[in-house]
Structures are given as structure tokens and as C-alpha cells.
């Protein structure tokens, strides 16, 4: 009887490109409203759900298959953020009834932003040992959540709203670059677009 066991490893593509593209698209669309270039959140909701949430959730699941704890946590964490924010906007628009819309306390959203600021801060430390493009994205997300948190609690609202808006637009631009680098570097088999080496502080 043959009892030999074989392990089969299935190679999968790097999901970072689609995850970063989803992040780029949703932050690009959402930032235009914060910057005053567009109005309202109704047409941001589809991009929040499908690009911000589902695209990053797809990347999260496939990073998990690759054993990438950092990528899984990052893409998963922000995917569920966009699911929650999209749902919050639906509540504000009365999709779930007027009583829910009237009972919405924006300070609770502010608390959630503080929680995500804490999450992003320790993820920024991890990003230092990934690459410099990813590190820049996380630093910008830090400023986004700092601005959103303080704006939600009415602390220097005008300035903090602007900080959040500019940071979110910056996230979009750098994420587009990161997505392009992930695609083209893998496609050409060489560093076509540089992403910067890890800092080498915590991992030697």
C-alpha cells in the first residue's frame, strides 16, 4: 500500500494591485466631496461598497491564502471600514427609515474614526518593512483619520476637514501608483516602477 504523501502548492497572483486600485478609486471619489468639487454622498456609496469594500476584501482573502498576515489585515480592515461607512451614509439618507436617520449620532462615527486611527498607526509601523510607497499610503491614512476624528468631534473642524480632504486625495494618487507598480513590475518581471526598499529598522 502506497502511503506516500505529497504537498501541492497552488501559486496565486499578488492581489495587492486590485486592492490598491479599489482603495485609489474610492478615495478619489470620496475626496472630491470633501474638497468641495462635488456634492453629497449618494454616488460615493456604490464606489465605497464595490471598490473600497469588495475589491479590498478580495485582496484580503487572497493575501490570506498566501500567508500574508499584514496584507490580509490591512485590506480586510479597510474593506470592512468601507462597508460600514457606506451603510452609515445609507442610514443618513433614510434608506432604513426616518427613525434610524434621526437617531444617528455623528459622534459615534467619530469614535469609529479614532479606532481606525489606532489601527492605522500600528499598521504604519508594519508598512515600514514592506516598501516606501505603502508606508506613504499609511501615513496619509493616519492624517485622514486624524482629520476625520477631530472634525467629527468639532475640534478645529475647518482645518481638520481640510487635512482629511487633502490626505484622502493624496491616498488616491499614491495608491494608483502602487497599483500600477504591482501590475507592471510583475508583468515585466523587473522593477519598472520603483516602490522603495523597506526601512530595515525592525527587520534586518
N, C-alpha and C. Protein backbone atom coordinates (compact mmCIF):
# COMPACT_ATOMS: atom_id res chain seq x y z
N UNK A 1 0.85 -1.20 0.00
CA UNK A 1 0.00 0.00 0.00
C UNK A 1 0.88 1.25 0.00
N UNK A 2 0.63 2.14 -0.91
CA UNK A 2 1.44 3.35 -1.03
C UNK A 2 0.89 4.43 -0.08
N UNK A 3 1.70 4.79 0.92
CA UNK A 3 1.26 5.79 1.90
C UNK A 3 2.00 7.12 1.71
N UNK A 4 2.65 7.27 0.58
CA UNK A 4 3.40 8.50 0.32
C UNK A 4 2.45 9.69 0.23
N UNK A 5 2.82 10.76 0.93
CA UNK A 5 2.00 11.98 0.92
C UNK A 5 2.71 13.07 0.13
N UNK A 6 1.95 13.78 -0.64
CA UNK A 6 2.51 14.87 -1.42
C UNK A 6 1.79 16.18 -1.08
N UNK A 7 2.57 17.22 -1.03
CA UNK A 7 2.00 18.54 -0.80
C UNK A 7 1.96 19.30 -2.13
N UNK A 8 0.81 19.83 -2.43
CA UNK A 8 0.65 20.60 -3.66
C UNK A 8 0.45 22.06 -3.30
N UNK A 9 1.32 22.89 -3.83
CA UNK A 9 1.23 24.32 -3.56
C UNK A 9 0.67 25.03 -4.79
N UNK A 10 -0.40 25.76 -4.59
CA UNK A 10 -1.03 26.49 -5.69
C UNK A 10 -0.56 27.93 -5.66
N UNK A 11 0.11 28.34 -6.73
CA UNK A 11 0.61 29.71 -6.81
C UNK A 11 -0.52 30.65 -7.22
N UNK A 12 -0.64 31.78 -6.53
CA UNK A 12 -1.66 32.77 -6.86
C UNK A 12 -0.99 34.12 -7.12
N UNK A 13 -1.64 34.93 -7.93
CA UNK A 13 -1.10 36.25 -8.24
C UNK A 13 -1.17 37.15 -7.02
N UNK A 14 -0.31 38.15 -6.99
CA UNK A 14 -0.30 39.13 -5.91
C UNK A 14 -1.58 39.97 -6.00
N UNK A 15 -2.44 39.94 -4.97
CA UNK A 15 -3.71 40.67 -5.04
C UNK A 15 -3.59 42.16 -4.70
N UNK A 16 -2.36 42.60 -4.40
CA UNK A 16 -2.18 44.00 -3.98
C UNK A 16 -2.64 44.99 -5.04
N UNK A 17 -2.44 44.63 -6.32
CA UNK A 17 -2.79 45.56 -7.39
C UNK A 17 -4.28 45.90 -7.38
N UNK A 18 -5.14 44.89 -7.28
CA UNK A 18 -6.59 45.15 -7.28
C UNK A 18 -7.03 45.80 -5.97
N UNK A 19 -6.37 45.41 -4.86
CA UNK A 19 -6.70 46.02 -3.57
C UNK A 19 -6.36 47.50 -3.56
N UNK A 20 -5.17 47.85 -4.06
CA UNK A 20 -4.76 49.25 -4.10
C UNK A 20 -5.58 50.05 -5.10
N UNK A 21 -5.98 49.40 -6.20
CA UNK A 21 -6.83 50.08 -7.17
C UNK A 21 -8.19 50.42 -6.54
N UNK A 22 -8.75 49.46 -5.80
CA UNK A 22 -10.02 49.72 -5.11
C UNK A 22 -9.90 50.88 -4.13
N UNK A 23 -8.79 50.89 -3.36
CA UNK A 23 -8.55 51.98 -2.42
C UNK A 23 -8.40 53.30 -3.15
N UNK A 24 -7.66 53.28 -4.27
CA UNK A 24 -7.44 54.51 -5.04
C UNK A 24 -8.76 55.08 -5.56
N UNK A 25 -9.61 54.22 -6.11
CA UNK A 25 -10.86 54.69 -6.70
C UNK A 25 -11.81 55.29 -5.66
N UNK A 26 -11.98 54.59 -4.55
CA UNK A 26 -12.94 55.09 -3.56
C UNK A 26 -12.45 56.36 -2.90
N UNK A 27 -11.16 56.46 -2.63
CA UNK A 27 -10.65 57.69 -2.00
C UNK A 27 -10.64 58.85 -3.00
N UNK A 28 -10.44 58.55 -4.28
CA UNK A 28 -10.51 59.61 -5.29
C UNK A 28 -11.91 60.21 -5.33
N UNK A 29 -12.92 59.34 -5.41
CA UNK A 29 -14.30 59.81 -5.49
C UNK A 29 -14.72 60.51 -4.19
N UNK A 30 -14.39 59.89 -3.05
CA UNK A 30 -14.79 60.47 -1.75
C UNK A 30 -14.09 61.79 -1.48
N UNK A 31 -12.84 61.93 -1.90
CA UNK A 31 -12.09 63.16 -1.62
C UNK A 31 -12.67 64.36 -2.37
N UNK A 32 -13.28 64.11 -3.53
CA UNK A 32 -13.85 65.24 -4.28
C UNK A 32 -14.98 65.91 -3.52
N UNK A 33 -15.71 65.11 -2.73
CA UNK A 33 -16.79 65.68 -1.93
C UNK A 33 -16.22 66.50 -0.77
N UNK A 34 -15.16 65.98 -0.13
CA UNK A 34 -14.54 66.71 0.99
C UNK A 34 -13.86 67.99 0.51
N UNK A 35 -13.32 67.95 -0.70
CA UNK A 35 -12.63 69.13 -1.24
C UNK A 35 -13.61 70.15 -1.81
N UNK A 36 -14.89 69.79 -1.88
CA UNK A 36 -15.90 70.71 -2.39
C UNK A 36 -16.02 70.72 -3.90
N UNK A 37 -15.41 69.73 -4.56
CA UNK A 37 -15.50 69.65 -6.02
C UNK A 37 -16.81 69.01 -6.47
N UNK A 38 -17.38 68.16 -5.61
CA UNK A 38 -18.67 67.53 -5.89
C UNK A 38 -19.53 67.65 -4.63
N UNK A 39 -20.79 67.29 -4.75
CA UNK A 39 -21.72 67.43 -3.62
C UNK A 39 -22.37 66.09 -3.26
N UNK A 40 -22.62 65.91 -1.97
CA UNK A 40 -23.37 64.75 -1.49
C UNK A 40 -22.57 63.47 -1.46
N UNK A 41 -23.21 62.44 -0.90
CA UNK A 41 -22.55 61.13 -0.78
C UNK A 41 -23.29 60.02 -1.52
N UNK A 42 -24.42 60.33 -2.15
CA UNK A 42 -25.23 59.29 -2.78
C UNK A 42 -24.44 58.48 -3.81
N UNK A 43 -23.68 59.18 -4.68
CA UNK A 43 -22.94 58.48 -5.71
C UNK A 43 -21.56 58.01 -5.24
N UNK A 44 -21.22 58.29 -3.98
CA UNK A 44 -19.99 57.72 -3.42
C UNK A 44 -20.26 56.32 -2.90
N UNK A 45 -21.49 56.07 -2.46
CA UNK A 45 -21.85 54.79 -1.85
C UNK A 45 -21.52 53.58 -2.73
N UNK A 46 -21.89 53.58 -4.04
CA UNK A 46 -21.54 52.41 -4.86
C UNK A 46 -20.04 52.15 -4.92
N UNK A 47 -19.25 53.23 -4.99
CA UNK A 47 -17.80 53.06 -5.06
C UNK A 47 -17.25 52.59 -3.71
N UNK A 48 -17.87 53.06 -2.63
CA UNK A 48 -17.47 52.60 -1.30
C UNK A 48 -17.72 51.10 -1.15
N UNK A 49 -18.87 50.63 -1.63
CA UNK A 49 -19.24 49.22 -1.47
C UNK A 49 -18.42 48.32 -2.41
N UNK A 50 -18.39 48.68 -3.69
CA UNK A 50 -17.79 47.77 -4.68
C UNK A 50 -16.27 47.90 -4.81
N UNK A 51 -15.75 49.12 -4.73
CA UNK A 51 -14.29 49.30 -4.87
C UNK A 51 -13.61 49.36 -3.50
N UNK A 52 -14.12 50.20 -2.61
CA UNK A 52 -13.50 50.30 -1.30
C UNK A 52 -13.64 49.03 -0.49
N UNK A 53 -14.82 48.40 -0.58
CA UNK A 53 -15.09 47.23 0.24
C UNK A 53 -14.79 45.91 -0.47
N UNK A 54 -15.51 45.61 -1.55
CA UNK A 54 -15.37 44.29 -2.17
C UNK A 54 -13.99 44.08 -2.81
N UNK A 55 -13.43 45.09 -3.46
CA UNK A 55 -12.12 44.92 -4.09
C UNK A 55 -11.05 44.64 -3.04
N UNK A 56 -11.12 45.36 -1.91
CA UNK A 56 -10.13 45.13 -0.86
C UNK A 56 -10.39 43.83 -0.11
N UNK A 57 -11.66 43.43 -0.02
CA UNK A 57 -11.96 42.15 0.61
C UNK A 57 -11.42 41.00 -0.25
N UNK A 58 -11.54 41.14 -1.56
CA UNK A 58 -10.97 40.16 -2.50
C UNK A 58 -9.46 40.04 -2.26
N UNK A 59 -8.79 41.18 -2.16
CA UNK A 59 -7.34 41.18 -1.91
C UNK A 59 -7.02 40.56 -0.56
N UNK A 60 -7.84 40.85 0.43
CA UNK A 60 -7.67 40.30 1.78
C UNK A 60 -7.71 38.77 1.76
N UNK A 61 -8.73 38.22 1.11
CA UNK A 61 -8.91 36.77 1.07
C UNK A 61 -7.73 36.09 0.38
N UNK A 62 -7.27 36.68 -0.72
CA UNK A 62 -6.17 36.07 -1.46
C UNK A 62 -4.82 36.27 -0.77
N UNK A 63 -4.67 37.37 -0.02
CA UNK A 63 -3.46 37.52 0.78
C UNK A 63 -3.44 36.49 1.91
N UNK A 64 -4.62 36.15 2.43
CA UNK A 64 -4.71 35.13 3.48
C UNK A 64 -4.24 33.78 2.94
N UNK A 65 -4.61 33.48 1.68
CA UNK A 65 -4.19 32.23 1.06
C UNK A 65 -2.67 32.17 0.89
N UNK A 66 -2.06 33.34 0.75
CA UNK A 66 -0.61 33.42 0.57
C UNK A 66 0.13 33.46 1.90
N UNK A 67 -0.61 33.47 3.00
CA UNK A 67 0.01 33.53 4.32
C UNK A 67 0.52 34.90 4.69
N UNK A 68 -0.01 35.94 4.04
CA UNK A 68 0.42 37.32 4.29
C UNK A 68 -0.48 37.96 5.35
N UNK A 69 -0.05 37.88 6.59
CA UNK A 69 -0.87 38.42 7.70
C UNK A 69 -1.05 39.92 7.59
N UNK A 70 0.01 40.63 7.24
CA UNK A 70 -0.07 42.09 7.14
C UNK A 70 -1.06 42.51 6.05
N UNK A 71 -0.92 41.94 4.84
CA UNK A 71 -1.81 42.29 3.75
C UNK A 71 -3.25 41.90 4.03
N UNK A 72 -3.44 40.72 4.64
CA UNK A 72 -4.78 40.26 4.99
C UNK A 72 -5.46 41.24 5.95
N UNK A 73 -4.72 41.65 6.98
CA UNK A 73 -5.28 42.55 8.00
C UNK A 73 -5.54 43.93 7.43
N UNK A 74 -4.60 44.44 6.62
CA UNK A 74 -4.76 45.78 6.05
C UNK A 74 -5.95 45.84 5.10
N UNK A 75 -5.95 44.98 4.09
CA UNK A 75 -7.05 45.01 3.12
C UNK A 75 -8.38 44.66 3.76
N UNK A 76 -8.37 43.68 4.67
CA UNK A 76 -9.61 43.30 5.35
C UNK A 76 -10.14 44.40 6.24
N UNK A 77 -9.25 45.01 7.01
CA UNK A 77 -9.65 46.08 7.92
C UNK A 77 -10.30 47.24 7.19
N UNK A 78 -9.68 47.66 6.08
CA UNK A 78 -10.23 48.79 5.35
C UNK A 78 -11.43 48.41 4.49
N UNK A 79 -11.51 47.15 4.07
CA UNK A 79 -12.70 46.70 3.36
C UNK A 79 -13.93 46.83 4.24
N UNK A 80 -13.81 46.36 5.49
CA UNK A 80 -14.95 46.44 6.40
C UNK A 80 -15.24 47.88 6.82
N UNK A 81 -14.21 48.72 6.81
CA UNK A 81 -14.43 50.15 7.07
C UNK A 81 -15.37 50.73 6.02
N UNK A 82 -15.11 50.41 4.75
CA UNK A 82 -15.94 50.98 3.68
C UNK A 82 -17.33 50.37 3.67
N UNK A 83 -17.46 49.10 4.03
CA UNK A 83 -18.81 48.53 4.21
C UNK A 83 -19.58 49.34 5.26
N UNK A 84 -18.91 49.61 6.38
CA UNK A 84 -19.56 50.32 7.48
C UNK A 84 -19.88 51.76 7.12
N UNK A 85 -18.94 52.45 6.49
CA UNK A 85 -19.18 53.85 6.11
C UNK A 85 -20.29 53.95 5.07
N UNK A 86 -20.25 53.05 4.08
CA UNK A 86 -21.32 53.04 3.08
C UNK A 86 -22.68 52.84 3.71
N UNK A 87 -22.76 51.92 4.67
CA UNK A 87 -24.02 51.67 5.38
C UNK A 87 -24.43 52.88 6.21
N UNK A 88 -23.46 53.56 6.82
CA UNK A 88 -23.75 54.76 7.61
C UNK A 88 -24.35 55.85 6.74
N UNK A 89 -23.80 56.02 5.53
CA UNK A 89 -24.36 57.01 4.61
C UNK A 89 -25.78 56.63 4.20
N UNK A 90 -26.02 55.32 4.02
CA UNK A 90 -27.38 54.87 3.68
C UNK A 90 -28.36 55.20 4.80
N UNK A 91 -27.90 55.04 6.04
CA UNK A 91 -28.75 55.38 7.18
C UNK A 91 -29.07 56.87 7.18
N UNK A 92 -28.03 57.71 6.94
CA UNK A 92 -28.22 59.16 6.91
C UNK A 92 -29.20 59.58 5.81
N UNK A 93 -29.19 58.84 4.71
CA UNK A 93 -30.09 59.16 3.59
C UNK A 93 -31.49 58.59 3.80
N UNK A 94 -31.72 57.89 4.91
CA UNK A 94 -33.05 57.39 5.22
C UNK A 94 -33.42 56.07 4.57
N UNK A 95 -32.42 55.35 4.06
CA UNK A 95 -32.72 54.08 3.39
C UNK A 95 -33.37 53.08 4.35
N UNK A 96 -33.00 53.15 5.63
CA UNK A 96 -33.52 52.21 6.62
C UNK A 96 -34.61 52.84 7.48
N UNK A 97 -35.18 53.93 7.01
CA UNK A 97 -36.27 54.58 7.73
C UNK A 97 -35.86 55.88 8.38
N UNK A 98 -36.84 56.74 8.58
CA UNK A 98 -36.58 58.06 9.15
C UNK A 98 -36.13 57.99 10.61
N UNK A 99 -36.66 57.02 11.35
CA UNK A 99 -36.29 56.94 12.76
C UNK A 99 -34.80 56.63 12.93
N UNK A 100 -34.26 55.75 12.06
CA UNK A 100 -32.82 55.47 12.12
C UNK A 100 -32.01 56.68 11.71
N UNK A 101 -32.47 57.39 10.70
CA UNK A 101 -31.76 58.59 10.24
C UNK A 101 -31.74 59.65 11.33
N UNK A 102 -32.87 59.83 12.02
CA UNK A 102 -32.95 60.84 13.07
C UNK A 102 -32.16 60.43 14.32
N UNK A 103 -32.02 59.12 14.50
CA UNK A 103 -31.30 58.63 15.69
C UNK A 103 -29.79 58.53 15.51
N UNK A 104 -29.29 58.94 14.34
CA UNK A 104 -27.85 58.84 14.07
C UNK A 104 -27.08 59.91 14.84
N UNK A 105 -26.09 59.48 15.61
CA UNK A 105 -25.23 60.40 16.36
C UNK A 105 -23.86 60.41 15.69
N UNK A 106 -23.47 61.52 15.05
CA UNK A 106 -22.19 61.58 14.34
C UNK A 106 -20.98 61.35 15.23
N UNK A 107 -21.15 61.57 16.53
CA UNK A 107 -20.04 61.33 17.46
C UNK A 107 -19.66 59.84 17.51
N UNK A 108 -20.64 58.97 17.29
CA UNK A 108 -20.33 57.53 17.26
C UNK A 108 -19.45 57.20 16.07
N UNK A 109 -19.68 57.88 14.95
CA UNK A 109 -18.81 57.73 13.79
C UNK A 109 -17.42 58.26 14.12
N UNK A 110 -17.37 59.34 14.89
CA UNK A 110 -16.09 59.88 15.33
C UNK A 110 -15.30 58.89 16.16
N UNK A 111 -16.00 58.16 17.04
CA UNK A 111 -15.34 57.14 17.86
C UNK A 111 -14.75 56.05 16.96
N UNK A 112 -15.52 55.67 15.93
CA UNK A 112 -15.03 54.66 14.99
C UNK A 112 -13.78 55.16 14.26
N UNK A 113 -13.76 56.44 13.90
CA UNK A 113 -12.59 57.01 13.25
C UNK A 113 -11.37 56.97 14.17
N UNK A 114 -11.59 57.22 15.45
CA UNK A 114 -10.48 57.13 16.42
C UNK A 114 -9.94 55.70 16.47
N UNK A 115 -10.87 54.73 16.47
CA UNK A 115 -10.45 53.33 16.48
C UNK A 115 -9.62 52.99 15.25
N UNK A 116 -10.03 53.50 14.09
CA UNK A 116 -9.28 53.24 12.87
C UNK A 116 -7.96 54.01 12.84
N UNK A 117 -7.90 55.14 13.52
CA UNK A 117 -6.63 55.85 13.65
C UNK A 117 -5.63 55.00 14.43
N UNK A 118 -6.10 54.39 15.52
CA UNK A 118 -5.23 53.50 16.31
C UNK A 118 -4.77 52.33 15.46
N UNK A 119 -5.70 51.71 14.73
CA UNK A 119 -5.39 50.59 13.85
C UNK A 119 -4.34 50.99 12.81
N UNK A 120 -4.54 52.15 12.19
CA UNK A 120 -3.64 52.58 11.12
C UNK A 120 -2.26 52.92 11.65
N UNK A 121 -2.18 53.45 12.86
CA UNK A 121 -0.88 53.79 13.44
C UNK A 121 0.01 52.56 13.59
N UNK A 122 -0.55 51.45 14.11
CA UNK A 122 0.33 50.29 14.26
C UNK A 122 0.56 49.58 12.93
N UNK A 123 -0.39 49.74 11.99
CA UNK A 123 -0.16 49.20 10.66
C UNK A 123 0.91 49.99 9.90
N UNK A 124 1.02 51.28 10.23
CA UNK A 124 2.06 52.12 9.61
C UNK A 124 3.45 51.62 10.00
N UNK A 125 3.58 51.16 11.24
CA UNK A 125 4.86 50.59 11.68
C UNK A 125 5.19 49.37 10.84
N UNK A 126 4.19 48.53 10.60
CA UNK A 126 4.40 47.35 9.77
C UNK A 126 4.75 47.71 8.33
N UNK A 127 4.12 48.78 7.82
CA UNK A 127 4.36 49.19 6.44
C UNK A 127 5.79 49.66 6.22
N UNK A 128 6.46 50.07 7.29
CA UNK A 128 7.85 50.49 7.17
C UNK A 128 8.74 49.37 6.66
N UNK A 129 8.34 48.13 6.92
CA UNK A 129 9.14 46.99 6.49
C UNK A 129 8.53 46.29 5.28
N UNK A 130 7.62 46.99 4.58
CA UNK A 130 7.07 46.48 3.32
C UNK A 130 7.76 47.20 2.17
N UNK A 131 7.36 48.42 1.91
CA UNK A 131 8.04 49.27 0.93
C UNK A 131 7.64 50.72 1.19
N UNK A 132 8.34 51.65 0.59
CA UNK A 132 8.13 53.07 0.90
C UNK A 132 6.82 53.61 0.33
N UNK A 133 6.36 53.09 -0.80
CA UNK A 133 5.08 53.52 -1.35
C UNK A 133 3.95 53.17 -0.38
N UNK A 134 3.97 51.94 0.12
CA UNK A 134 2.95 51.51 1.08
C UNK A 134 3.04 52.33 2.37
N UNK A 135 4.26 52.64 2.80
CA UNK A 135 4.45 53.45 4.01
C UNK A 135 3.83 54.83 3.83
N UNK A 136 4.04 55.45 2.67
CA UNK A 136 3.47 56.78 2.40
C UNK A 136 1.94 56.71 2.44
N UNK A 137 1.38 55.66 1.85
CA UNK A 137 -0.09 55.49 1.87
C UNK A 137 -0.60 55.44 3.30
N UNK A 138 0.07 54.67 4.15
CA UNK A 138 -0.39 54.53 5.53
C UNK A 138 -0.23 55.83 6.32
N UNK A 139 0.83 56.58 6.07
CA UNK A 139 1.00 57.88 6.74
C UNK A 139 -0.15 58.82 6.35
N UNK A 140 -0.50 58.82 5.07
CA UNK A 140 -1.61 59.65 4.61
C UNK A 140 -2.94 59.19 5.23
N UNK A 141 -3.11 57.87 5.39
CA UNK A 141 -4.32 57.37 6.05
C UNK A 141 -4.35 57.80 7.52
N UNK A 142 -3.18 57.85 8.17
CA UNK A 142 -3.10 58.36 9.54
C UNK A 142 -3.67 59.78 9.61
N UNK A 143 -3.24 60.63 8.69
CA UNK A 143 -3.71 62.01 8.67
C UNK A 143 -5.20 62.08 8.31
N UNK A 144 -5.65 61.18 7.44
CA UNK A 144 -7.08 61.14 7.09
C UNK A 144 -7.92 60.88 8.33
N UNK A 145 -7.55 59.85 9.10
CA UNK A 145 -8.35 59.50 10.28
C UNK A 145 -8.18 60.51 11.41
N UNK A 146 -7.02 61.14 11.48
CA UNK A 146 -6.85 62.22 12.46
C UNK A 146 -7.80 63.36 12.13
N UNK A 147 -7.84 63.74 10.84
CA UNK A 147 -8.74 64.81 10.42
C UNK A 147 -10.19 64.46 10.61
N UNK A 148 -10.58 63.24 10.21
CA UNK A 148 -11.98 62.81 10.36
C UNK A 148 -12.40 62.76 11.82
N UNK A 149 -11.52 62.25 12.67
CA UNK A 149 -11.84 62.12 14.11
C UNK A 149 -12.08 63.48 14.73
N UNK A 150 -11.14 64.40 14.53
CA UNK A 150 -11.26 65.72 15.16
C UNK A 150 -12.42 66.52 14.57
N UNK A 151 -12.63 66.38 13.27
CA UNK A 151 -13.76 67.07 12.64
C UNK A 151 -15.09 66.56 13.19
N UNK A 152 -15.18 65.25 13.43
CA UNK A 152 -16.42 64.66 13.96
C UNK A 152 -16.75 65.17 15.35
N UNK A 153 -15.72 65.49 16.13
CA UNK A 153 -15.93 65.99 17.49
C UNK A 153 -15.90 67.52 17.56
N UNK A 154 -15.85 68.18 16.40
CA UNK A 154 -15.90 69.63 16.37
C UNK A 154 -14.63 70.31 16.83
N UNK A 155 -13.50 69.63 16.75
CA UNK A 155 -12.22 70.20 17.16
C UNK A 155 -11.51 70.75 15.92
N UNK A 156 -11.38 72.07 15.85
CA UNK A 156 -10.76 72.74 14.69
C UNK A 156 -11.32 72.17 13.40
N UNK A 157 -12.64 72.15 13.31
CA UNK A 157 -13.33 71.45 12.24
C UNK A 157 -12.90 71.87 10.84
N UNK A 158 -12.79 73.17 10.61
CA UNK A 158 -12.46 73.64 9.26
C UNK A 158 -11.08 73.14 8.83
N UNK A 159 -10.11 73.28 9.72
CA UNK A 159 -8.74 72.86 9.41
C UNK A 159 -8.66 71.35 9.27
N UNK A 160 -9.29 70.63 10.22
CA UNK A 160 -9.22 69.17 10.20
C UNK A 160 -9.96 68.56 9.02
N UNK A 161 -11.05 69.21 8.59
CA UNK A 161 -11.76 68.75 7.40
C UNK A 161 -10.85 68.87 6.17
N UNK A 162 -10.10 69.97 6.12
CA UNK A 162 -9.18 70.18 5.00
C UNK A 162 -8.05 69.15 5.04
N UNK A 163 -7.54 68.87 6.24
CA UNK A 163 -6.49 67.86 6.40
C UNK A 163 -6.98 66.52 5.88
N UNK A 164 -8.21 66.15 6.26
CA UNK A 164 -8.79 64.87 5.82
C UNK A 164 -8.95 64.85 4.30
N UNK A 165 -9.42 65.96 3.73
CA UNK A 165 -9.67 66.02 2.29
C UNK A 165 -8.39 65.88 1.48
N UNK A 166 -7.37 66.65 1.86
CA UNK A 166 -6.10 66.62 1.13
C UNK A 166 -5.43 65.26 1.30
N UNK A 167 -5.48 64.71 2.51
CA UNK A 167 -4.88 63.40 2.78
C UNK A 167 -5.55 62.32 1.94
N UNK A 168 -6.89 62.37 1.87
CA UNK A 168 -7.63 61.35 1.11
C UNK A 168 -7.30 61.43 -0.38
N UNK A 169 -7.17 62.64 -0.89
CA UNK A 169 -6.80 62.80 -2.30
C UNK A 169 -5.38 62.28 -2.53
N UNK A 170 -4.49 62.53 -1.57
CA UNK A 170 -3.13 62.01 -1.67
C UNK A 170 -3.09 60.49 -1.64
N UNK A 171 -3.96 59.88 -0.81
CA UNK A 171 -4.05 58.41 -0.76
C UNK A 171 -4.41 57.87 -2.13
N UNK A 172 -5.36 58.52 -2.79
CA UNK A 172 -5.79 58.08 -4.12
C UNK A 172 -4.63 58.09 -5.11
N UNK A 173 -3.89 59.20 -5.14
CA UNK A 173 -2.80 59.33 -6.11
C UNK A 173 -1.70 58.30 -5.86
N UNK A 174 -1.29 58.15 -4.60
CA UNK A 174 -0.20 57.21 -4.30
C UNK A 174 -0.67 55.77 -4.47
N UNK A 175 -1.94 55.50 -4.19
CA UNK A 175 -2.47 54.14 -4.37
C UNK A 175 -2.56 53.77 -5.85
N UNK A 176 -2.90 54.74 -6.70
CA UNK A 176 -2.86 54.47 -8.14
C UNK A 176 -1.44 54.08 -8.57
N UNK A 177 -0.46 54.80 -8.05
CA UNK A 177 0.93 54.48 -8.37
C UNK A 177 1.29 53.09 -7.87
N UNK A 178 0.90 52.79 -6.62
CA UNK A 178 1.19 51.48 -6.04
C UNK A 178 0.55 50.35 -6.81
N UNK A 179 -0.69 50.56 -7.27
CA UNK A 179 -1.38 49.56 -8.06
C UNK A 179 -0.67 49.35 -9.39
N UNK A 180 -0.30 50.46 -10.03
CA UNK A 180 0.41 50.37 -11.31
C UNK A 180 1.74 49.64 -11.15
N UNK A 181 2.44 49.93 -10.06
CA UNK A 181 3.72 49.27 -9.81
C UNK A 181 3.53 47.76 -9.61
N UNK A 182 2.49 47.39 -8.88
CA UNK A 182 2.22 45.96 -8.64
C UNK A 182 1.95 45.22 -9.94
N UNK A 183 1.19 45.85 -10.83
CA UNK A 183 0.85 45.22 -12.10
C UNK A 183 2.07 45.17 -13.04
N UNK A 184 2.68 46.33 -13.27
CA UNK A 184 3.72 46.43 -14.29
C UNK A 184 5.02 45.75 -13.88
N UNK A 185 5.36 45.83 -12.59
CA UNK A 185 6.58 45.16 -12.14
C UNK A 185 6.47 43.64 -12.30
N UNK A 186 5.28 43.12 -11.97
CA UNK A 186 5.07 41.67 -12.14
C UNK A 186 4.97 41.30 -13.62
N UNK A 187 4.31 42.15 -14.39
CA UNK A 187 4.09 41.87 -15.82
C UNK A 187 5.41 41.86 -16.60
N UNK A 188 6.29 42.81 -16.27
CA UNK A 188 7.55 42.91 -16.99
C UNK A 188 8.68 42.11 -16.34
N UNK A 189 8.41 41.61 -15.12
CA UNK A 189 9.42 40.81 -14.44
C UNK A 189 10.63 41.59 -13.98
N UNK A 190 10.45 42.87 -13.77
CA UNK A 190 11.54 43.74 -13.29
C UNK A 190 10.92 44.98 -12.64
N UNK A 191 11.69 45.70 -11.83
CA UNK A 191 11.14 46.90 -11.17
C UNK A 191 10.94 48.06 -12.15
N UNK A 192 9.86 47.99 -12.90
CA UNK A 192 9.53 49.02 -13.90
C UNK A 192 9.20 50.35 -13.21
N UNK A 193 8.43 50.28 -12.12
CA UNK A 193 8.13 51.45 -11.28
C UNK A 193 8.70 51.20 -9.89
N UNK A 194 9.63 52.00 -9.43
CA UNK A 194 10.23 51.77 -8.11
C UNK A 194 9.24 51.99 -6.98
N UNK A 195 9.30 51.15 -5.96
CA UNK A 195 8.42 51.30 -4.80
C UNK A 195 9.20 51.58 -3.52
N UNK A 196 10.52 51.55 -3.61
CA UNK A 196 11.34 51.87 -2.43
C UNK A 196 11.54 50.67 -1.53
N UNK A 197 12.76 50.50 -1.08
CA UNK A 197 13.08 49.37 -0.22
C UNK A 197 12.52 49.58 1.20
N UNK A 198 12.31 48.50 1.95
CA UNK A 198 11.92 48.63 3.36
C UNK A 198 12.95 49.44 4.13
N UNK A 199 12.53 50.04 5.24
CA UNK A 199 13.46 50.86 6.02
C UNK A 199 14.55 50.01 6.71
N UNK A 200 14.23 48.77 7.00
CA UNK A 200 15.22 47.90 7.63
C UNK A 200 15.52 48.26 9.07
N UNK A 201 14.53 48.83 9.75
CA UNK A 201 14.72 49.21 11.17
C UNK A 201 14.33 48.06 12.09
N UNK A 202 13.18 47.46 11.83
CA UNK A 202 12.66 46.42 12.70
C UNK A 202 12.97 45.03 12.20
N UNK A 203 13.17 44.88 10.87
CA UNK A 203 13.54 43.61 10.28
C UNK A 203 14.87 43.76 9.58
N UNK A 204 15.81 42.98 9.97
CA UNK A 204 17.16 43.06 9.39
C UNK A 204 17.31 42.01 8.30
